[in-house]
Amino acid sequence: MLRTLDRRLARLEDLLIMVMVATLALLLGLGVVLRYVFNNPLTWSEEIVVTFFVWTVMLGVPSALRSRMHIRIDVLILRLSASARRVVGYLACAAGLVVFIASVYAGYAHTVGVWGSQTPMLGFSMGWIFMAMPIGFALTLFHGSIILMDEGPERVFENATETVIDSAQV
């Protein structure tokens, strides 16, 4: 059941990222044309662009974890034995757990603190922008937990480069 939820959330995250990036490109392109060709800028589009950019970044964090696209200095990890990699994996998972839980808490607290503030042009709550942080890190925590259960601690923060290098050494 958790793996099904993981897959469905992953598809939803990827779909939202695609829609937001396409909307960003459209609004930014339209804004440039209207400003410099017609001398009539879209004053309201900046709020949408900033909101979608923040959400794209914060949804990109769990997506990058799932896709093994996080950057990690792996020069030492690659020299460790399998058992040492497992120990380092547990340490990395523990550190990640602390960081992600603190980020979810801080993001939630900040979202609650700014919920009453509104954006100047469109008048929507600033909380909608900052809500991306606790949601993004909670999703990262969830996807990381699934990877931990399925593949073990040494694989949670593994990046794609390590997989290629490991397979070439065999």
Protein backbone atom coordinates (compact mmCIF):
# COMPACT_ATOMS: atom_id res chain seq x y z
CA MET A 1 0.00 0.00 0.00
CA LEU A 2 2.84 2.42 0.84
CA ARG A 3 4.61 1.62 -2.44
CA THR A 4 1.40 2.34 -4.37
CA LEU A 5 1.04 5.64 -2.54
CA ASP A 6 4.71 6.37 -3.28
CA ARG A 7 4.20 5.77 -7.02
CA ARG A 8 1.02 7.83 -7.15
CA LEU A 9 2.57 10.73 -5.26
CA ALA A 10 5.60 10.56 -7.56
CA ARG A 11 3.38 10.78 -10.65
CA LEU A 12 1.44 13.68 -9.14
CA GLU A 13 4.66 15.51 -8.20
CA ASP A 14 6.10 15.05 -11.69
CA LEU A 15 2.85 16.19 -13.31
CA LEU A 16 2.69 19.30 -11.12
CA ILE A 17 6.33 20.11 -11.89
CA MET A 18 5.69 19.79 -15.64
CA VAL A 19 2.57 21.97 -15.52
CA MET A 20 4.27 24.63 -13.40
CA VAL A 21 7.42 24.75 -15.56
CA ALA A 22 5.30 25.04 -18.71
CA THR A 23 3.24 27.82 -17.10
CA LEU A 24 6.44 29.58 -15.97
CA ALA A 25 7.85 29.48 -19.50
CA LEU A 26 4.59 30.74 -20.97
CA LEU A 27 4.15 33.58 -18.47
CA LEU A 28 7.78 34.68 -18.68
CA GLY A 29 7.73 34.62 -22.50
CA LEU A 30 4.42 36.45 -22.64
CA GLY A 31 5.70 38.97 -20.10
CA VAL A 32 8.78 39.74 -22.20
CA VAL A 33 6.74 40.20 -25.38
CA LEU A 34 4.12 42.38 -23.70
CA ARG A 35 6.73 44.51 -21.91
CA TYR A 36 9.21 45.06 -24.74
CA VAL A 37 7.05 44.80 -27.85
CA PHE A 38 3.77 46.34 -26.69
CA ASN A 39 5.10 48.36 -23.72
CA ASN A 40 2.31 46.89 -21.58
CA PRO A 41 3.77 44.61 -18.88
CA LEU A 42 1.92 41.87 -17.01
CA THR A 43 2.13 43.28 -13.50
CA TRP A 44 0.38 40.36 -11.83
CA SER A 45 2.38 37.54 -13.41
CA GLU A 46 5.39 37.96 -11.11
CA GLU A 47 3.43 36.60 -8.14
CA ILE A 48 2.42 33.48 -10.07
CA VAL A 49 5.98 33.03 -11.39
CA VAL A 50 7.54 33.31 -7.92
CA THR A 51 4.95 30.96 -6.39
CA PHE A 52 5.36 28.34 -9.12
CA PHE A 53 9.15 28.63 -9.02
CA VAL A 54 9.22 27.97 -5.26
CA TRP A 55 6.82 25.03 -5.62
CA THR A 56 8.83 23.62 -8.54
CA VAL A 57 12.03 23.71 -6.50
CA MET A 58 10.44 22.20 -3.40
CA LEU A 59 8.72 19.44 -5.40
CA GLY A 60 11.99 18.91 -7.26
CA VAL A 61 13.74 17.89 -4.03
CA PRO A 62 11.75 14.64 -3.56
CA SER A 63 11.78 14.06 -7.32
CA ALA A 64 15.58 14.32 -7.36
CA LEU A 65 15.84 11.91 -4.43
CA ARG A 66 13.63 9.36 -6.21
CA SER A 67 15.61 9.78 -9.45
CA ARG A 68 18.99 9.57 -7.71
CA MET A 69 19.89 13.03 -8.99
CA HIS A 70 21.08 14.66 -5.78
CA ILE A 71 24.70 15.74 -5.82
CA ARG A 72 26.89 13.90 -3.36
CA ILE A 73 30.64 13.85 -2.99
CA ASP A 74 31.19 10.15 -3.50
CA VAL A 75 34.97 9.84 -3.73
CA LEU A 76 35.21 8.36 -0.21
CA ILE A 77 31.98 6.37 -0.37
CA LEU A 78 33.18 4.50 -3.47
CA ARG A 79 36.30 3.35 -1.62
CA LEU A 80 34.38 1.84 1.30
CA SER A 81 33.44 -1.79 1.69
CA ALA A 82 29.78 -2.81 1.47
CA SER A 83 29.45 -3.02 5.27
CA ALA A 84 31.09 0.39 5.75
CA ARG A 85 28.76 1.87 3.13
CA ARG A 86 25.83 0.48 5.10
CA VAL A 87 27.05 2.16 8.32
CA VAL A 88 27.63 5.46 6.52
CA GLY A 89 24.18 5.03 4.97
CA TYR A 90 22.61 4.73 8.41
CA LEU A 91 24.45 7.86 9.55
CA ALA A 92 23.31 9.75 6.44
CA CYS A 93 19.72 8.61 6.97
CA ALA A 94 19.80 9.73 10.61
CA ALA A 95 21.22 13.13 9.62
CA GLY A 96 18.68 13.41 6.79
CA LEU A 97 15.85 12.56 9.17
CA VAL A 98 16.88 15.36 11.53
CA VAL A 99 17.22 17.89 8.70
CA PHE A 100 13.95 16.92 7.01
CA ILE A 101 11.91 16.92 10.22
CA ALA A 102 13.40 20.29 11.24
CA SER A 103 12.63 21.65 7.74
CA VAL A 104 9.03 20.42 7.85
CA TYR A 105 8.58 22.00 11.28
CA ALA A 106 10.25 25.31 10.34
CA GLY A 107 8.33 25.49 7.05
CA TYR A 108 5.05 24.81 8.79
CA ALA A 109 5.74 27.40 11.49
CA HIS A 110 6.67 30.01 8.90
CA THR A 111 3.62 29.20 6.77
CA VAL A 112 1.33 29.66 9.76
CA GLY A 113 3.11 32.93 10.58
CA VAL A 114 2.60 34.45 7.11
CA TRP A 115 -0.84 33.02 6.35
CA GLY A 116 -2.52 36.34 7.15
CA SER A 117 -0.28 38.29 4.75
CA GLN A 118 -1.46 38.71 1.18
CA THR A 119 0.38 39.22 -2.07
CA PRO A 120 0.09 42.82 -3.31
CA MET A 121 -1.34 42.25 -6.81
CA LEU A 122 -3.49 39.12 -6.67
CA GLY A 123 -4.26 39.17 -2.96
CA PHE A 124 -3.75 35.48 -2.23
CA SER A 125 -2.19 34.36 1.05
CA MET A 126 1.61 34.31 1.25
CA GLY A 127 1.12 31.00 3.02
CA TRP A 128 0.46 29.35 -0.35
CA ILE A 129 4.03 30.17 -1.37
CA PHE A 130 5.69 29.04 1.85
CA MET A 131 3.56 25.91 2.20
CA ALA A 132 5.81 24.37 -0.46
CA MET A 133 8.64 23.88 2.04
CA PRO A 134 6.95 21.62 4.60
CA ILE A 135 5.16 19.69 1.86
CA GLY A 136 8.32 19.25 -0.22
CA PHE A 137 10.39 18.04 2.71
CA ALA A 138 7.60 15.78 4.00
CA LEU A 139 7.43 14.16 0.55
CA THR A 140 11.22 13.81 0.56
CA LEU A 141 11.03 12.12 3.95
CA PHE A 142 8.31 9.78 2.69
CA HIS A 143 10.12 8.81 -0.53
CA GLY A 144 13.39 8.38 1.37
CA SER A 145 11.65 6.06 3.82
CA ILE A 146 10.35 3.92 0.96
CA ILE A 147 13.85 3.70 -0.55
CA LEU A 148 15.23 2.81 2.90
CA MET A 149 12.70 -0.02 3.31
CA ASP A 150 13.14 -1.36 -0.22
CA GLU A 151 16.85 -0.93 -0.87
CA GLY A 152 18.63 -0.26 2.42
CA PRO A 153 20.33 2.75 3.98
CA GLU A 154 23.29 2.92 1.61
CA ARG A 155 20.93 3.49 -1.33
CA VAL A 156 18.80 6.36 0.05
CA PHE A 157 21.17 9.18 -0.88
CA GLU A 158 22.99 7.33 -3.64
CA ASN A 159 23.33 9.27 -6.87
CA ALA A 160 23.21 8.03 -10.45
CA THR A 161 26.99 8.42 -10.91
CA GLU A 162 27.71 5.90 -8.17
CA THR A 163 25.43 3.35 -9.82
CA VAL A 164 27.30 3.72 -13.12
CA ILE A 165 30.72 3.52 -11.45
CA ASP A 166 29.74 0.53 -9.29
CA SER A 167 28.40 -1.40 -12.29
CA ALA A 168 31.57 -0.67 -14.29
CA GLN A 169 33.78 -2.03 -11.51
CA VAL A 170 32.00 -5.40 -11.42
